Structure formats: C-alpha cells, structure tokens
Amino acid sequence: MAYDEALAARIRGLIGDQPMLTEQKMFGGLAFLIGGTMAVAASGRGGIMVRVDPTEGDELIATTPAEPMEMRSRAMSGWLRVADEHVTSDDDLAEWVRRGAAYAGSLRAK
C-alpha cells in the first residue's frame, strides 16, 4: 500500500514552517524530518507514525488512540502509530504533528 498523498499534504501544511525540515520516503511512507530526525510520517500502512519522547509513550498509548509502532514484531520505544480514523480532523492531526515536531526539534541535529 502506498502512503496517502492527501494525508502527506495535510502534514506538510502543518509542519512546513519548521526550520531544517526535509522529506524522505521511508518505511513505505513519506517521513518529515527536522534536523535529520523523523518527526512524523504518512505511513504506507495507513495513518501516521509519530516520534515522541520515549518517557511519554506508555501514557500516550494509555490515554489516546495511539498504538505502539512495531518493526519486525518488536515495539519501538518512542514511536507511535495512529490509525487513519484518528487523524481525519485537522485538529487531531495537528496535535500529533505538534508532538512529533516538538520532540524531533528538541534533539540535536544529525
């Protein structure tokens, strides 16, 4: 499955003013990186992937519709998946983009 280009455009509209922003195809989707660190991506599996502070991951999984992101059957600390139905509104998507951009922006540029 290819990533949703309309979703990628919505993300771009929300994150486009971030300094050191780049886009890169990865994980079957389109990732938005700040300073070389992925902040958020339109996933090739639908929905989005979001990079968050690993210390906040468990709480976000418990209190939001986010799920742990898994690669090769292993949960990735600090990486969340949010399904399409939970980012249909601009406000919901904006909150996830804000979280991902804030965390990626807090890390040292690569």
N, C-alpha and C. Protein backbone atom coordinates (compact mmCIF):
# COMPACT_ATOMS: atom_id res chain seq x y z
N MET A 1 0.84 -1.18 0.00
CA MET A 1 0.00 0.00 0.00
C MET A 1 0.89 1.25 0.00
N ALA A 2 0.60 2.16 -0.89
CA ALA A 2 1.34 3.42 -0.92
C ALA A 2 0.78 4.36 0.14
N TYR A 3 1.59 5.30 0.57
CA TYR A 3 1.11 6.26 1.56
C TYR A 3 0.05 7.17 0.95
N ASP A 4 -0.77 7.73 1.79
CA ASP A 4 -1.86 8.62 1.39
C ASP A 4 -1.27 10.01 1.09
N GLU A 5 -1.25 10.38 -0.18
CA GLU A 5 -0.65 11.66 -0.58
C GLU A 5 -1.43 12.85 -0.03
N ALA A 6 -2.74 12.71 0.11
CA ALA A 6 -3.54 13.81 0.68
C ALA A 6 -3.18 14.00 2.16
N LEU A 7 -2.97 12.91 2.87
CA LEU A 7 -2.56 13.00 4.27
C LEU A 7 -1.17 13.63 4.37
N ALA A 8 -0.26 13.24 3.47
CA ALA A 8 1.08 13.83 3.46
C ALA A 8 1.00 15.34 3.21
N ALA A 9 0.12 15.76 2.33
CA ALA A 9 -0.05 17.18 2.05
C ALA A 9 -0.59 17.92 3.28
N ARG A 10 -1.50 17.29 4.00
CA ARG A 10 -2.03 17.91 5.23
C ARG A 10 -0.91 18.05 6.26
N ILE A 11 -0.09 17.02 6.40
CA ILE A 11 1.05 17.10 7.33
C ILE A 11 1.98 18.22 6.90
N ARG A 12 2.31 18.28 5.61
CA ARG A 12 3.20 19.30 5.08
C ARG A 12 2.66 20.70 5.40
N GLY A 13 1.37 20.88 5.29
CA GLY A 13 0.76 22.17 5.60
C GLY A 13 0.90 22.56 7.05
N LEU A 14 0.98 21.57 7.92
CA LEU A 14 1.10 21.82 9.36
C LEU A 14 2.53 21.99 9.82
N ILE A 15 3.45 21.33 9.16
CA ILE A 15 4.83 21.29 9.63
C ILE A 15 5.78 22.09 8.74
N GLY A 16 5.28 22.57 7.62
CA GLY A 16 6.12 23.18 6.60
C GLY A 16 6.97 24.35 7.01
N ASP A 17 6.66 25.02 8.12
CA ASP A 17 7.45 26.18 8.53
C ASP A 17 8.56 25.83 9.52
N GLN A 18 8.74 24.57 9.81
CA GLN A 18 9.79 24.15 10.75
C GLN A 18 11.17 24.34 10.14
N PRO A 19 12.11 24.90 10.92
CA PRO A 19 13.48 25.00 10.40
C PRO A 19 14.09 23.62 10.22
N MET A 20 14.96 23.50 9.23
CA MET A 20 15.70 22.26 8.94
C MET A 20 14.76 21.10 8.59
N LEU A 21 13.62 21.39 7.97
CA LEU A 21 12.66 20.36 7.58
C LEU A 21 13.06 19.73 6.25
N THR A 22 13.04 18.41 6.21
CA THR A 22 13.24 17.68 4.97
C THR A 22 12.18 16.59 4.89
N GLU A 23 11.96 16.09 3.69
CA GLU A 23 11.05 14.98 3.47
C GLU A 23 11.85 13.83 2.89
N GLN A 24 11.47 12.62 3.29
CA GLN A 24 12.19 11.44 2.78
C GLN A 24 11.23 10.26 2.75
N LYS A 25 11.26 9.53 1.65
CA LYS A 25 10.48 8.31 1.59
C LYS A 25 11.18 7.26 2.43
N MET A 26 10.45 6.69 3.38
CA MET A 26 10.99 5.64 4.23
C MET A 26 9.85 4.83 4.85
N PHE A 27 10.12 3.62 5.21
CA PHE A 27 9.13 2.72 5.82
C PHE A 27 7.88 2.60 4.96
N GLY A 28 8.00 2.76 3.65
CA GLY A 28 6.85 2.67 2.75
C GLY A 28 5.96 3.89 2.79
N GLY A 29 6.42 4.95 3.44
CA GLY A 29 5.63 6.17 3.54
C GLY A 29 6.48 7.39 3.24
N LEU A 30 5.98 8.55 3.62
CA LEU A 30 6.70 9.79 3.45
C LEU A 30 6.93 10.40 4.82
N ALA A 31 8.20 10.48 5.21
CA ALA A 31 8.58 10.99 6.53
C ALA A 31 8.96 12.46 6.44
N PHE A 32 8.65 13.18 7.51
CA PHE A 32 9.03 14.57 7.66
C PHE A 32 10.05 14.62 8.79
N LEU A 33 11.26 15.09 8.45
CA LEU A 33 12.37 15.09 9.39
C LEU A 33 12.74 16.52 9.76
N ILE A 34 13.08 16.73 11.01
CA ILE A 34 13.57 18.01 11.49
C ILE A 34 14.99 17.79 11.97
N GLY A 35 15.91 18.46 11.34
CA GLY A 35 17.32 18.28 11.70
C GLY A 35 17.80 16.86 11.51
N GLY A 36 17.20 16.14 10.57
CA GLY A 36 17.60 14.77 10.30
C GLY A 36 16.90 13.71 11.13
N THR A 37 16.01 14.12 12.04
CA THR A 37 15.27 13.19 12.89
C THR A 37 13.80 13.16 12.47
N MET A 38 13.27 11.95 12.27
CA MET A 38 11.88 11.86 11.87
C MET A 38 10.97 12.40 12.97
N ALA A 39 10.03 13.26 12.55
CA ALA A 39 9.04 13.80 13.47
C ALA A 39 7.72 13.07 13.29
N VAL A 40 7.29 12.92 12.06
CA VAL A 40 6.00 12.31 11.73
C VAL A 40 6.08 11.81 10.30
N ALA A 41 5.26 10.81 9.99
CA ALA A 41 5.24 10.28 8.63
C ALA A 41 3.84 9.84 8.24
N ALA A 42 3.52 10.04 6.99
CA ALA A 42 2.33 9.43 6.40
C ALA A 42 2.74 7.99 6.11
N SER A 43 2.13 7.06 6.79
CA SER A 43 2.56 5.66 6.73
C SER A 43 2.06 4.95 5.49
N GLY A 44 2.87 4.07 4.97
CA GLY A 44 2.47 3.22 3.87
C GLY A 44 1.42 2.19 4.28
N ARG A 45 1.21 2.03 5.59
CA ARG A 45 0.19 1.11 6.11
C ARG A 45 -1.08 1.87 6.49
N GLY A 46 -1.14 3.14 6.17
CA GLY A 46 -2.28 3.97 6.52
C GLY A 46 -2.01 4.69 7.83
N GLY A 47 -2.65 5.82 8.02
CA GLY A 47 -2.45 6.60 9.23
C GLY A 47 -1.08 7.23 9.27
N ILE A 48 -0.62 7.51 10.49
CA ILE A 48 0.66 8.18 10.66
C ILE A 48 1.54 7.45 11.66
N MET A 49 2.83 7.71 11.55
CA MET A 49 3.81 7.31 12.56
C MET A 49 4.30 8.61 13.18
N VAL A 50 4.46 8.61 14.49
CA VAL A 50 4.87 9.81 15.21
C VAL A 50 6.02 9.47 16.14
N ARG A 51 7.01 10.33 16.16
CA ARG A 51 8.14 10.19 17.08
C ARG A 51 7.81 11.02 18.32
N VAL A 52 7.87 10.40 19.49
CA VAL A 52 7.59 11.10 20.75
C VAL A 52 8.68 10.78 21.76
N ASP A 53 8.72 11.56 22.80
CA ASP A 53 9.64 11.30 23.90
C ASP A 53 9.34 9.90 24.43
N PRO A 54 10.32 8.99 24.46
CA PRO A 54 10.07 7.63 24.93
C PRO A 54 9.48 7.57 26.34
N THR A 55 9.76 8.56 27.18
CA THR A 55 9.21 8.56 28.53
C THR A 55 7.72 8.86 28.54
N GLU A 56 7.17 9.38 27.43
CA GLU A 56 5.75 9.69 27.34
C GLU A 56 4.96 8.64 26.56
N GLY A 57 5.65 7.72 25.93
CA GLY A 57 5.00 6.75 25.06
C GLY A 57 3.92 5.93 25.73
N ASP A 58 4.21 5.33 26.88
CA ASP A 58 3.22 4.48 27.55
C ASP A 58 1.97 5.27 27.93
N GLU A 59 2.15 6.49 28.41
CA GLU A 59 1.00 7.30 28.80
C GLU A 59 0.16 7.66 27.57
N LEU A 60 0.80 8.00 26.47
CA LEU A 60 0.05 8.32 25.25
C LEU A 60 -0.71 7.10 24.73
N ILE A 61 -0.11 5.94 24.83
CA ILE A 61 -0.79 4.71 24.40
C ILE A 61 -2.01 4.45 25.28
N ALA A 62 -1.89 4.74 26.58
CA ALA A 62 -3.00 4.51 27.51
C ALA A 62 -4.11 5.55 27.40
N THR A 63 -3.79 6.76 26.98
CA THR A 63 -4.77 7.85 27.05
C THR A 63 -5.22 8.40 25.70
N THR A 64 -4.66 7.89 24.60
CA THR A 64 -5.03 8.35 23.26
C THR A 64 -5.26 7.13 22.38
N PRO A 65 -5.67 7.34 21.14
CA PRO A 65 -5.84 6.19 20.24
C PRO A 65 -4.53 5.65 19.66
N ALA A 66 -3.41 6.20 20.09
CA ALA A 66 -2.12 5.75 19.56
C ALA A 66 -1.82 4.32 20.00
N GLU A 67 -1.08 3.64 19.15
CA GLU A 67 -0.63 2.27 19.43
C GLU A 67 0.88 2.23 19.30
N PRO A 68 1.52 1.26 19.94
CA PRO A 68 2.97 1.16 19.75
C PRO A 68 3.30 0.82 18.30
N MET A 69 4.34 1.39 17.78
CA MET A 69 4.78 1.04 16.45
C MET A 69 5.68 -0.18 16.58
N GLU A 70 5.45 -1.14 15.72
CA GLU A 70 6.26 -2.36 15.74
C GLU A 70 7.02 -2.51 14.44
N MET A 71 8.26 -2.94 14.57
CA MET A 71 9.08 -3.30 13.42
C MET A 71 9.62 -4.70 13.69
N ARG A 72 9.37 -5.57 12.76
CA ARG A 72 9.81 -6.96 12.91
C ARG A 72 9.34 -7.55 14.23
N SER A 73 8.07 -7.32 14.54
CA SER A 73 7.40 -7.84 15.74
C SER A 73 7.99 -7.31 17.05
N ARG A 74 8.67 -6.17 16.98
CA ARG A 74 9.25 -5.58 18.18
C ARG A 74 8.73 -4.16 18.34
N ALA A 75 8.16 -3.85 19.51
CA ALA A 75 7.69 -2.50 19.79
C ALA A 75 8.87 -1.55 19.85
N MET A 76 8.72 -0.40 19.21
CA MET A 76 9.79 0.59 19.15
C MET A 76 9.48 1.71 20.15
N SER A 77 10.28 1.84 21.17
CA SER A 77 10.09 2.86 22.20
C SER A 77 10.19 4.25 21.58
N GLY A 78 9.21 5.10 21.86
CA GLY A 78 9.23 6.46 21.35
C GLY A 78 8.63 6.62 19.97
N TRP A 79 8.08 5.55 19.43
CA TRP A 79 7.45 5.59 18.11
C TRP A 79 6.02 5.09 18.25
N LEU A 80 5.07 5.87 17.73
CA LEU A 80 3.66 5.50 17.83
C LEU A 80 3.02 5.47 16.45
N ARG A 81 1.97 4.67 16.34
CA ARG A 81 1.12 4.63 15.14
C ARG A 81 -0.24 5.17 15.52
N VAL A 82 -0.79 5.98 14.65
CA VAL A 82 -2.14 6.50 14.84
C VAL A 82 -2.91 6.20 13.55
N ALA A 83 -4.00 5.44 13.68
CA ALA A 83 -4.77 5.00 12.52
C ALA A 83 -5.47 6.16 11.83
N ASP A 84 -5.77 5.95 10.56
CA ASP A 84 -6.45 6.95 9.72
C ASP A 84 -7.65 7.60 10.40
N GLU A 85 -8.49 6.78 11.01
CA GLU A 85 -9.73 7.31 11.58
C GLU A 85 -9.50 8.27 12.74
N HIS A 86 -8.28 8.31 13.26
CA HIS A 86 -7.98 9.19 14.39
C HIS A 86 -7.24 10.46 13.96
N VAL A 87 -7.06 10.63 12.66
CA VAL A 87 -6.44 11.86 12.16
C VAL A 87 -7.25 12.47 11.02
N THR A 88 -8.55 12.19 11.01
CA THR A 88 -9.40 12.75 9.96
C THR A 88 -9.66 14.24 10.19
N SER A 89 -9.72 14.68 11.43
CA SER A 89 -9.94 16.10 11.68
C SER A 89 -8.58 16.82 11.69
N ASP A 90 -8.61 18.06 11.24
CA ASP A 90 -7.37 18.85 11.21
C ASP A 90 -6.83 19.06 12.61
N ASP A 91 -7.70 19.22 13.60
CA ASP A 91 -7.25 19.43 14.98
C ASP A 91 -6.52 18.19 15.51
N ASP A 92 -7.08 17.01 15.25
CA ASP A 92 -6.44 15.78 15.72
C ASP A 92 -5.08 15.58 15.06
N LEU A 93 -5.02 15.78 13.75
CA LEU A 93 -3.75 15.63 13.06
C LEU A 93 -2.75 16.67 13.55
N ALA A 94 -3.19 17.89 13.73
CA ALA A 94 -2.29 18.96 14.18
C ALA A 94 -1.67 18.64 15.53
N GLU A 95 -2.43 18.03 16.42
CA GLU A 95 -1.89 17.70 17.75
C GLU A 95 -0.77 16.67 17.63
N TRP A 96 -0.94 15.66 16.78
CA TRP A 96 0.10 14.65 16.61
C TRP A 96 1.32 15.24 15.91
N VAL A 97 1.09 16.07 14.90
CA VAL A 97 2.21 16.71 14.21
C VAL A 97 2.97 17.60 15.19
N ARG A 98 2.27 18.34 16.03
CA ARG A 98 2.90 19.20 17.02
C ARG A 98 3.78 18.37 17.96
N ARG A 99 3.24 17.24 18.43
CA ARG A 99 4.02 16.37 19.32
C ARG A 99 5.30 15.87 18.66
N GLY A 100 5.15 15.37 17.45
CA GLY A 100 6.32 14.84 16.74
C GLY A 100 7.35 15.91 16.44
N ALA A 101 6.89 17.08 16.00
CA ALA A 101 7.81 18.18 15.68
C ALA A 101 8.51 18.69 16.93
N ALA A 102 7.78 18.77 18.03
CA ALA A 102 8.39 19.25 19.28
C ALA A 102 9.50 18.31 19.74
N TYR A 103 9.23 17.00 19.68
CA TYR A 103 10.26 16.07 20.13
C TYR A 103 11.45 16.06 19.18
N ALA A 104 11.19 15.93 17.88
CA ALA A 104 12.30 15.90 16.91
C ALA A 104 13.11 17.19 16.98
N GLY A 105 12.43 18.32 17.17
CA GLY A 105 13.12 19.59 17.27
C GLY A 105 13.94 19.75 18.54
N SER A 106 13.63 18.95 19.54
CA SER A 106 14.38 19.04 20.80
C SER A 106 15.69 18.26 20.77
N LEU A 107 15.85 17.43 19.75
CA LEU A 107 17.04 16.60 19.64
C LEU A 107 18.12 17.31 18.82
N ARG A 108 19.33 16.94 19.05
CA ARG A 108 20.45 17.52 18.32
C ARG A 108 20.37 17.15 16.85
N ALA A 109 20.59 18.12 15.98
CA ALA A 109 20.55 17.85 14.53
C ALA A 109 21.64 16.86 14.16
N LYS A 110 21.32 16.02 13.20
CA LYS A 110 22.27 15.00 12.74
C LYS A 110 23.14 15.56 11.64
